[in-house]
Protein backbone atom coordinates (compact mmCIF):
# COMPACT_ATOMS: atom_id res chain seq x y z
CA MET A 1 -103.00 -7.46 84.37
CA THR A 2 -103.87 -3.85 84.88
CA THR A 3 -105.41 -2.23 81.90
CA VAL A 4 -104.89 1.24 80.61
CA CYS A 5 -107.54 3.58 82.05
CA PRO A 6 -109.08 5.74 79.50
CA PHE A 7 -108.92 9.55 79.84
CA ALA A 8 -111.49 10.69 82.41
CA LYS A 9 -113.64 13.43 81.05
CA ALA A 10 -117.08 11.88 80.90
CA GLY A 11 -120.17 14.10 80.95
CA ARG A 12 -122.28 14.80 84.09
CA PRO A 13 -121.99 12.62 87.24
CA ASP A 14 -119.75 10.00 85.60
CA ASP A 15 -116.84 12.43 85.78
CA ALA A 16 -116.15 11.28 89.33
CA ALA A 17 -116.36 7.68 88.48
CA VAL A 18 -113.31 7.40 86.14
CA LYS A 19 -109.85 7.00 87.64
CA LYS A 20 -107.29 9.63 86.91
CA CYS A 21 -103.88 8.46 85.68
CA PRO A 22 -101.01 9.59 87.91
CA GLU A 23 -99.06 12.39 86.23
CA ASN A 24 -95.62 12.50 87.58
CA GLN A 25 -94.47 9.26 88.85
CA SER A 26 -90.79 8.59 89.54
CA LYS A 27 -91.52 5.00 88.42
CA SER A 28 -94.06 4.55 85.82
CA LYS A 29 -95.81 1.19 85.62
CA CYS A 30 -96.30 -0.28 82.25
CA PRO A 31 -100.17 0.15 81.42
CA PHE A 32 -99.87 -3.06 79.50
CA GLY A 33 -98.91 -5.10 82.48
CA TYR A 34 -95.23 -5.44 81.73
CA ASP A 35 -92.54 -4.40 84.09
CA SER A 36 -88.77 -4.90 84.33
CA ALA A 37 -89.02 -8.17 86.02
CA THR A 38 -91.68 -9.70 83.84
CA SER A 39 -91.64 -10.99 80.42
CA ALA A 40 -94.67 -11.43 77.98
CA ALA A 41 -95.33 -14.92 79.43
CA GLY A 42 -95.14 -13.51 83.02
CA ASN A 43 -91.80 -15.25 83.80
CA GLU A 44 -88.76 -13.51 85.05
CA SER A 45 -86.48 -12.32 82.48
CA LYS A 46 -83.24 -12.46 84.47
CA PRO A 47 -80.37 -14.36 82.80
CA GLU A 48 -80.21 -17.98 83.90
CA GLN A 49 -76.97 -18.71 85.77
CA GLU A 50 -76.58 -22.41 85.08
CA SER A 51 -73.72 -23.24 82.81
CA GLY A 52 -74.61 -24.21 79.33
CA GLU A 53 -78.06 -22.80 79.43
CA SER A 54 -79.31 -19.76 77.52
CA ALA A 55 -79.31 -16.42 79.10
CA ARG A 56 -82.07 -13.91 78.17
CA VAL A 57 -81.18 -10.22 78.19
CA THR A 58 -83.64 -7.41 77.72
CA PRO A 59 -82.06 -4.49 75.78
CA LYS A 60 -82.75 -1.12 77.22
CA CYS A 61 -83.47 2.05 75.14
CA PRO A 62 -80.23 4.23 75.07
CA PHE A 63 -82.47 7.32 75.49
CA GLY A 64 -83.89 5.98 78.72
CA TYR A 65 -87.45 5.11 77.40
CA ASP A 66 -88.54 1.70 78.86
CA SER A 67 -91.52 0.41 80.89
CA ASP A 68 -90.03 1.38 84.29
CA THR A 69 -88.69 4.85 83.70
CA PHE A 70 -89.54 7.96 81.77
CA LYS A 71 -87.29 10.91 81.28
CA LEU A 72 -87.10 13.83 78.90
CA GLY A 73 -84.77 13.00 76.07
CA PRO A 74 -83.24 14.81 73.08
CA PHE A 75 -86.45 14.13 71.08
CA SER A 76 -88.84 15.61 73.68
CA CYS A 77 -90.71 18.79 73.48
CA MET A 78 -89.96 20.91 76.58
CA ILE A 79 -93.54 22.17 76.63
CA CYS A 80 -95.71 19.10 76.48
CA GLN A 81 -92.90 16.79 77.60
CA ALA A 82 -93.86 14.22 74.93
CA LEU A 83 -91.92 13.24 71.83
CA LEU A 84 -91.83 15.98 69.23
CA PHE A 85 -94.66 16.05 66.80
CA ASP A 86 -94.91 18.41 63.81
CA CYS A 87 -91.34 19.86 64.77
CA SER A 88 -91.23 23.54 64.58
CA LYS A 89 -88.21 25.75 64.95
CA CYS A 90 -88.19 29.20 66.57
CA ILE A 91 -86.48 31.91 64.64
CA PRO A 92 -83.98 33.34 65.66
CA CYS A 93 -82.99 31.15 68.59
CA SER A 94 -83.53 27.78 66.74
CA HIS A 95 -85.07 25.94 69.59
CA VAL A 96 -87.49 23.32 68.53
CA TYR A 97 -90.99 22.33 69.91
CA CYS A 98 -94.16 20.68 68.80
CA LYS A 99 -95.98 23.23 66.47
CA VAL A 100 -99.20 23.19 68.53
CA CYS A 101 -97.27 23.88 71.77
CA ILE A 102 -95.14 26.78 70.56
CA LEU A 103 -97.91 28.60 68.72
CA ARG A 104 -99.44 29.32 72.05
CA LEU A 105 -96.36 31.37 73.06
CA LYS A 106 -94.73 34.56 72.00
CA ASP A 107 -91.30 33.93 73.71
CA CYS A 108 -89.10 30.88 73.59
CA PRO A 109 -89.58 29.04 76.95
CA LEU A 110 -85.96 27.88 77.00
CA CYS A 111 -84.09 31.11 76.29
CA GLY A 112 -86.73 33.87 76.50
CA ALA A 113 -85.94 35.18 73.05
CA ASP A 114 -88.84 36.82 71.08
CA ILE A 115 -90.20 34.47 68.53
CA GLU A 116 -90.11 36.38 65.19
CA LYS A 117 -91.43 33.48 63.21
CA ILE A 118 -91.69 29.55 63.25
CA GLU A 119 -90.44 27.26 60.65
CA PRO A 120 -91.04 23.46 60.26
CA ASP A 121 -87.98 21.32 61.05
CA THR A 122 -88.73 18.35 58.76
CA ASP A 123 -85.19 16.82 59.09
CA LEU A 124 -85.62 16.49 62.95
CA GLN A 125 -89.14 15.30 62.60
CA ASN A 126 -87.93 12.51 60.18
CA VAL A 127 -85.33 11.44 62.87
CA VAL A 128 -88.07 11.43 65.53
CA ASP A 129 -90.40 9.36 63.30
CA ARG A 130 -87.59 6.75 62.53
CA PHE A 131 -86.89 6.62 66.27
CA ILE A 132 -90.46 5.77 67.05
CA GLU A 133 -90.64 3.18 64.23
CA GLY A 134 -87.53 1.42 65.47
CA HIS A 135 -88.07 1.83 69.19
CA ALA A 136 -88.44 -1.49 71.02
CA ARG A 137 -87.94 -3.57 67.92
CA ILE A 138 -84.49 -4.56 68.57
CA LYS A 139 -83.47 -8.06 67.66
CA ARG A 140 -79.93 -9.44 67.68
CA SER A 141 -78.80 -12.78 66.40
CA GLN A 142 -77.65 -15.43 68.88
CA VAL A 143 -73.99 -15.62 69.78
CA ASN A 144 -72.14 -18.48 71.16
CA GLU A 145 -70.29 -16.80 73.89
CA ASP A 146 -70.94 -14.22 76.52
CA LYS A 147 -67.66 -12.32 76.97
CA GLU A 148 -68.61 -11.31 80.54
CA GLU A 149 -68.90 -14.93 81.68
CA VAL A 150 -66.03 -16.92 83.24
CA VAL A 151 -63.39 -18.06 80.69
CA GLY A 152 -64.39 -21.60 79.34
CA GLN A 153 -68.12 -21.16 80.31
CA LYS A 154 -70.10 -21.17 77.08
CA LYS A 155 -73.68 -20.12 76.83
CA THR A 156 -76.07 -18.68 74.22
CA VAL A 157 -77.24 -15.24 74.78
CA ILE A 158 -80.67 -14.27 73.18
CA TYR A 159 -81.52 -10.71 73.09
CA GLU A 160 -85.34 -10.43 73.37
CA ASP A 161 -87.49 -8.66 70.94
CA VAL A 162 -88.99 -6.00 73.33
CA SER A 163 -91.64 -4.84 71.02
CA LEU A 164 -94.03 -5.60 74.02
CA GLU A 165 -92.68 -2.44 75.65
CA ARG A 166 -93.48 -0.32 72.64
CA GLY A 167 -97.14 -0.18 73.74
CA SER A 168 -96.14 1.18 77.12
CA PHE A 169 -93.79 3.73 75.54
CA LEU A 170 -96.34 5.03 72.96
CA VAL A 171 -99.06 5.25 75.75
CA GLN A 172 -96.67 7.27 77.92
CA GLN A 173 -96.06 9.71 75.11
CA ALA A 174 -99.82 9.90 74.29
CA LEU A 175 -100.80 10.60 77.96
CA ARG A 176 -98.28 13.46 78.23
CA ALA A 177 -99.46 14.94 75.03
CA PHE A 178 -103.09 14.69 75.85
CA ARG A 179 -102.57 16.46 79.19
CA ALA A 180 -100.87 19.29 77.35
CA ASN A 181 -103.81 19.51 74.89
CA ASN A 182 -101.60 18.31 72.07
CA LEU A 183 -104.32 16.19 70.69
CA GLU A 184 -102.91 15.37 67.24
CA SER A 185 -99.65 14.11 68.79
CA ALA A 186 -101.66 11.95 71.23
CA LYS A 187 -103.80 10.51 68.38
CA SER A 188 -100.75 9.73 66.31
CA ARG A 189 -99.00 7.74 69.12
CA LEU A 190 -102.25 5.92 70.02
CA SER A 191 -102.99 5.03 66.42
CA LEU A 192 -99.48 3.43 66.25
CA CYS A 193 -100.12 1.45 69.40
CA ALA A 194 -103.53 0.32 68.13
CA ASP A 195 -101.92 -0.75 64.89
CA ASP A 196 -99.31 -2.73 66.74
CA ILE A 197 -102.01 -4.56 68.88
CA ARG A 198 -104.10 -5.33 65.74
CA GLU A 199 -101.05 -7.00 64.19
CA GLN A 200 -100.61 -9.17 67.25
CA LEU A 201 -104.39 -9.99 67.12
CA GLN A 202 -104.00 -11.18 63.56
CA ARG A 203 -101.10 -13.41 64.48
CA ILE A 204 -102.33 -15.06 67.76
CA GLY A 205 -106.07 -14.30 67.83
CA ASN A 206 -108.35 -12.56 70.33
CA THR A 207 -106.73 -13.16 73.59
CA ALA A 208 -108.21 -11.48 76.63
CA GLU A 209 -105.03 -9.50 77.17
CA LEU A 210 -104.90 -8.14 73.75
CA CYS A 211 -108.61 -7.39 73.51
CA SER A 212 -108.43 -5.40 76.81
CA GLN A 213 -105.32 -3.56 75.55
CA LEU A 214 -106.88 -2.52 72.33
CA GLY A 215 -110.10 -1.69 73.86
CA ALA A 216 -108.37 0.77 76.28
CA VAL A 217 -106.35 2.43 73.52
CA LEU A 218 -109.45 2.77 71.38
CA GLY A 219 -111.14 4.48 74.30
CA MET A 220 -108.25 6.93 74.51
CA LEU A 221 -108.53 7.64 70.84
CA GLY A 222 -112.28 8.25 71.36
CA ASP A 223 -111.34 10.76 74.14
CA CYS A 224 -108.85 12.56 71.86
CA CYS A 225 -111.57 12.96 69.16
CA ARG A 226 -114.16 14.04 71.65
CA ALA A 227 -111.80 16.74 73.13
CA SER A 228 -111.23 18.08 69.59
CA GLY A 229 -114.97 18.25 68.89
CA ASP A 230 -115.12 15.31 66.52
CA ALA A 231 -118.10 13.53 68.04
CA ALA A 232 -118.76 11.16 65.09
CA SER A 233 -115.13 9.78 65.24
CA ALA A 234 -115.24 9.50 69.03
CA ILE A 235 -118.41 7.40 68.85
CA THR A 236 -116.79 5.14 66.31
CA TYR A 237 -113.74 4.59 68.53
CA PHE A 238 -115.88 4.08 71.69
CA ASP A 239 -118.13 1.65 69.87
CA GLU A 240 -115.20 -0.39 68.70
CA SER A 241 -113.62 -0.25 72.18
CA VAL A 242 -116.86 -1.80 73.52
CA VAL A 243 -116.64 -4.57 71.03
CA PHE A 244 -113.16 -5.63 72.23
CA LEU A 245 -113.75 -5.08 75.97
CA SER A 246 -116.84 -7.25 75.69
CA LYS A 247 -114.67 -10.10 74.64
CA VAL A 248 -112.74 -10.07 77.94
CA PRO A 249 -114.01 -12.25 80.90
CA LYS A 250 -116.35 -10.32 83.19
CA ASP A 251 -114.39 -11.12 86.33
CA ASP A 252 -111.82 -8.41 85.62
CA LEU A 253 -113.24 -5.45 87.47
CA GLU A 254 -110.98 -2.82 85.73
CA VAL A 255 -112.10 -3.95 82.34
CA THR A 256 -115.73 -4.04 83.44
CA HIS A 257 -115.43 -0.44 84.66
CA THR A 258 -113.73 0.63 81.43
CA LEU A 259 -116.37 -1.07 79.39
CA SER A 260 -119.22 0.62 81.29
CA VAL A 261 -117.54 4.04 81.06
CA SER A 262 -117.05 3.70 77.35
CA LEU A 263 -120.80 2.84 76.92
CA ASN A 264 -121.62 5.88 79.03
CA LYS A 265 -119.36 8.21 76.97
CA ILE A 266 -121.31 7.16 73.86
CA GLY A 267 -124.49 7.81 75.73
CA ASP A 268 -123.18 11.23 76.68
CA LEU A 269 -122.38 12.19 73.10
CA LYS A 270 -125.83 10.97 71.96
CA TYR A 271 -127.41 12.97 74.87
CA TYR A 272 -125.71 16.19 73.90
CA ASP A 273 -126.66 15.64 70.32
CA GLY A 274 -130.29 15.33 71.24
CA ASP A 275 -130.80 11.66 70.50
CA LEU A 276 -132.28 10.85 73.97
CA GLN A 277 -133.53 7.26 72.89
CA ALA A 278 -130.03 6.29 71.80
CA ALA A 279 -128.50 7.85 74.89
CA ARG A 280 -130.78 5.93 77.20
CA SER A 281 -130.00 2.62 75.34
CA TYR A 282 -126.30 3.05 75.96
CA TYR A 283 -126.80 4.19 79.51
CA PHE A 284 -128.93 1.16 80.14
CA ARG A 285 -126.26 -1.10 78.68
CA ALA A 286 -123.68 0.36 81.02
CA LEU A 287 -126.05 -0.11 83.92
CA ASP A 288 -126.56 -3.80 82.96
CA VAL A 289 -122.76 -4.25 82.88
CA ARG A 290 -122.44 -2.71 86.35
CA ARG A 291 -125.29 -4.76 87.80
CA ASP A 292 -123.68 -7.88 86.55
CA ALA A 293 -120.34 -6.88 88.18
CA ILE A 294 -121.92 -6.11 91.57
CA LYS A 295 -123.38 -9.71 91.65
CA ARG A 296 -119.80 -10.82 91.84
CA HIS A 297 -118.36 -8.12 93.91
CA SER A 298 -121.15 -6.74 96.04
CA SER A 299 -118.96 -5.62 98.92
CA ILE A 300 -116.77 -3.34 96.94
CA PRO A 301 -117.79 0.37 97.33
CA SER A 302 -116.83 1.35 93.80
CA GLN A 303 -119.23 -0.96 92.37
CA ILE A 304 -122.14 0.57 94.37
CA LEU A 305 -121.03 4.02 93.33
CA ASP A 306 -120.94 2.89 89.67
CA ILE A 307 -124.52 1.54 89.89
CA ALA A 308 -125.75 4.78 91.46
CA ILE A 309 -124.16 6.85 88.67
CA SER A 310 -125.67 4.66 85.95
CA LEU A 311 -129.09 4.87 87.63
CA ALA A 312 -128.77 8.63 87.67
CA LYS A 313 -127.98 8.79 84.01
CA VAL A 314 -130.85 6.61 83.02
CA ALA A 315 -133.19 8.51 85.13
CA ASP A 316 -132.03 11.81 83.86
CA VAL A 317 -132.87 10.76 80.21
CA ASP A 318 -136.25 9.33 81.41
CA ARG A 319 -137.14 12.70 82.85
CA ASN A 320 -136.19 14.39 79.54
CA LEU A 321 -138.29 11.86 77.64
CA GLY A 322 -141.24 12.72 79.95
CA ASN A 323 -141.19 9.47 81.97
CA GLU A 324 -141.24 11.29 85.29
CA ASP A 325 -142.42 8.32 87.43
CA ALA A 326 -139.50 6.19 86.02
CA ALA A 327 -137.06 9.16 86.64
CA ILE A 328 -138.06 9.54 90.17
CA GLY A 329 -137.89 5.79 90.86
CA GLY A 330 -134.32 5.70 89.33
CA PHE A 331 -133.21 8.68 91.50
CA GLN A 332 -134.62 7.19 94.62
CA GLU A 333 -133.08 3.77 93.98
CA ALA A 334 -129.67 5.48 93.53
CA ILE A 335 -130.07 7.48 96.74
CA LYS A 336 -131.09 4.39 98.70
CA SER A 337 -127.99 2.38 97.58
CA LEU A 338 -125.55 5.27 98.36
CA GLU A 339 -127.16 5.86 101.85
CA SER A 340 -126.65 2.18 102.64
CA LEU A 341 -123.04 2.35 101.60
CA THR A 342 -120.63 2.23 104.63
CA LEU A 343 -117.14 3.61 104.12
CA SER A 344 -114.14 3.58 106.45
CA SER A 345 -112.41 6.80 107.48
CA GLU A 346 -109.47 5.90 105.18
CA GLU A 347 -111.69 5.91 102.04
CA ILE A 348 -111.71 9.70 101.62
CA VAL A 349 -111.87 9.70 97.86
CA GLN A 350 -114.80 7.20 97.72
CA GLN A 351 -116.63 9.27 100.45
CA GLN A 352 -116.11 12.56 98.48
CA LYS A 353 -117.48 10.85 95.38
CA ARG A 354 -120.43 9.43 97.26
CA LEU A 355 -121.36 12.90 98.69
CA SER A 356 -121.02 14.45 95.13
CA VAL A 357 -123.31 11.92 93.52
CA LEU A 358 -125.83 12.16 96.47
CA GLU A 359 -125.99 15.95 96.09
CA PHE A 360 -126.66 15.49 92.38
CA LEU A 361 -129.45 12.99 92.94
CA ASN A 362 -131.14 15.06 95.75
CA ASN A 363 -131.04 18.13 93.56
CA GLN A 364 -132.74 16.12 90.78
CA LEU A 365 -135.58 15.11 93.20
CA MET A 366 -136.06 18.70 94.53
CA ASN A 367 -136.06 20.22 91.02
CA LYS A 368 -139.05 18.39 89.62
CA PRO A 369 -140.27 19.78 86.35
CA SER A 370 -143.50 21.71 86.47
CA GLN A 371 -146.68 19.81 85.41
């Protein structure tokens, strides 16, 4: 499966190492690995055609929200393009937006009217909340006949519980809200998603799939807290993310990368808080994860880039701790690994990342602290 990639705003050279989530896709892929042709068990969910056997039908959201498509619906904020959160009505035009979004403007973006004041629209917010709570939890009882089938052909139609799509739906909303800096909206949607996954974990145990999903969502929550300046909560979420991602088999490169990035993000927060020993501990843990990954996938350029970035982080802290010899050794090892990396002409993004990290490393060697 493809895990959700956490939001990419890590400090210092790791910025370039985190994948960016595509923003405007005509066909969004479910970040939880489900698509329109795949059920929870990975089997096709098309109705079976044989007479007398059950047909399985996946109900679709009437507002167009599902794991394959995303559109703006009647409950969407036209500014952040996510579901309305803290609904606020413009007076006098009565157009409704998220409170955080509309407070940044003086004119209504839909009609251009001057905004004289903003009032909460609790009735609409209650409708949106009920919509979220009920979304993708449709269950219908079995029936004995499918009226669209040939007369005389009986079969049982089972309408699936599509709650598995709810995670994709909530993450889509959170991503859009986060990009628009509507952080409270993003946190709200991600918290619901995390609660759903925790419920499944209680029912069926710590599967690799659920642990990777929860680890990714917790990492996103950490990014929301970090963006809002709540470093303590961010560290709590990142730490918990690391716990769950560590339970996933190490042969999943995406999960391994996400795990190391979460460790580096904690290290960054500790670094900026002045706790250099703690920062080095987390950076070194990330380096260990990446070294373990490169043993299995030594020919993949992204793994070499990850190693170089981790070496740079550890060396940077060593220098700040006064361990100059260790710092120079780390910078030189990272430079050597990147200079030995051969990339094809098609790997433009990787080459740009390689050159960016190399520039950082060479600058660190040239700018030695005075003795």
